[in-house]
Amino acid sequence: MSVSAIVHIFNEDPIVCELDELPSPESQAVIVHHPRRRDGKEVEFLDEEVATIIIPWHRILFIQVLPSTELEDVIGFVREER
């Protein structure tokens, strides 16, 4: 199952991407798929054909994990009664 995330890289704008799985503490790098900017545009420092990149941990500030659509479908809207 793919996990959507925002990867914050030192001295770069954040990248929205998909991860195969969350990285473990022993990982040396993070493999991301379909990298793009938050507005959906291409990442300037990558070639147009690039679909997967490997980012070493020492370049990553932090990773934000985005909520999955599956979770939203399960929970749905909750209305409180008065």
Protein backbone atom coordinates (compact mmCIF):
# COMPACT_ATOMS: atom_id res chain seq x y z
CA MET A 1 0.00 0.00 0.00
CA SER A 2 1.34 3.39 -0.99
CA VAL A 3 1.58 6.23 1.56
CA SER A 4 1.25 9.87 0.49
CA ALA A 5 3.72 12.21 2.17
CA ILE A 6 5.38 15.60 2.07
CA VAL A 7 9.17 15.37 2.32
CA HIS A 8 10.96 18.48 3.59
CA ILE A 9 14.50 18.64 2.20
CA PHE A 10 17.22 21.02 3.45
CA ASN A 11 17.44 24.20 1.33
CA GLU A 12 14.64 23.06 -1.04
CA ASP A 13 10.89 23.42 -1.27
CA PRO A 14 8.88 20.48 0.12
CA ILE A 15 8.09 17.59 -2.23
CA VAL A 16 4.75 15.77 -2.31
CA CYS A 17 5.25 12.10 -3.15
CA GLU A 18 4.26 8.50 -2.51
CA LEU A 19 6.23 6.09 -0.33
CA ASP A 20 5.97 2.29 -0.59
CA GLU A 21 6.09 2.14 3.21
CA LEU A 22 7.15 4.35 6.07
CA PRO A 23 10.93 4.36 6.53
CA SER A 24 12.35 2.44 9.46
CA PRO A 25 14.80 4.01 11.94
CA GLU A 26 17.60 1.88 10.43
CA SER A 27 17.05 3.26 6.91
CA GLN A 28 19.92 5.15 5.28
CA ALA A 29 17.69 6.75 2.63
CA VAL A 30 14.06 7.22 1.64
CA ILE A 31 12.74 6.07 -1.74
CA VAL A 32 9.97 8.33 -3.08
CA HIS A 33 7.79 7.91 -6.16
CA HIS A 34 6.13 10.55 -8.36
CA PRO A 35 7.80 13.59 -6.75
CA ARG A 36 6.11 16.93 -7.39
CA ARG A 37 5.71 20.34 -5.78
CA ARG A 38 2.71 21.10 -3.58
CA ASP A 39 1.03 22.89 -6.49
CA GLY A 40 1.49 19.82 -8.73
CA LYS A 41 4.31 21.30 -10.84
CA GLU A 42 7.52 19.45 -11.64
CA VAL A 43 10.50 19.59 -9.29
CA GLU A 44 13.08 21.94 -10.88
CA PHE A 45 16.20 19.98 -9.95
CA LEU A 46 14.91 16.70 -11.48
CA ASP A 47 14.72 15.65 -15.12
CA GLU A 48 11.24 15.38 -16.65
CA GLU A 49 11.38 11.56 -16.98
CA VAL A 50 12.24 10.90 -13.32
CA ALA A 51 9.52 8.96 -11.47
CA THR A 52 11.50 7.68 -8.46
CA ILE A 53 14.26 9.26 -6.39
CA ILE A 54 16.35 8.11 -3.44
CA ILE A 55 16.93 10.82 -0.84
CA PRO A 56 19.60 10.23 1.84
CA TRP A 57 18.42 10.84 5.43
CA HIS A 58 21.03 13.54 6.05
CA ARG A 59 19.24 15.72 3.45
CA ILE A 60 15.76 15.29 4.98
CA LEU A 61 14.50 17.66 7.66
CA PHE A 62 11.26 15.77 8.36
CA ILE A 63 8.43 13.88 6.62
CA GLN A 64 4.72 14.66 6.93
CA VAL A 65 2.44 11.67 6.37
CA LEU A 66 -0.80 12.68 4.66
CA PRO A 67 -4.10 11.04 5.63
CA SER A 68 -5.14 8.26 3.29
CA THR A 69 -8.44 8.34 1.41
CA GLU A 70 -9.22 4.86 2.74
CA LEU A 71 -9.22 6.18 6.30
CA GLU A 72 -11.55 9.03 5.33
CA ASP A 73 -13.97 6.55 3.73
CA VAL A 74 -14.05 4.39 6.87
CA ILE A 75 -14.61 7.22 9.35
CA GLY A 76 -16.89 9.41 7.25
CA PHE A 77 -18.78 12.40 8.61
CA VAL A 78 -19.93 12.35 12.24
CA ARG A 79 -22.82 14.58 13.25
CA GLU A 80 -23.42 15.36 16.88
CA GLU A 81 -26.98 15.38 18.16
CA ARG A 82 -28.14 18.11 20.51
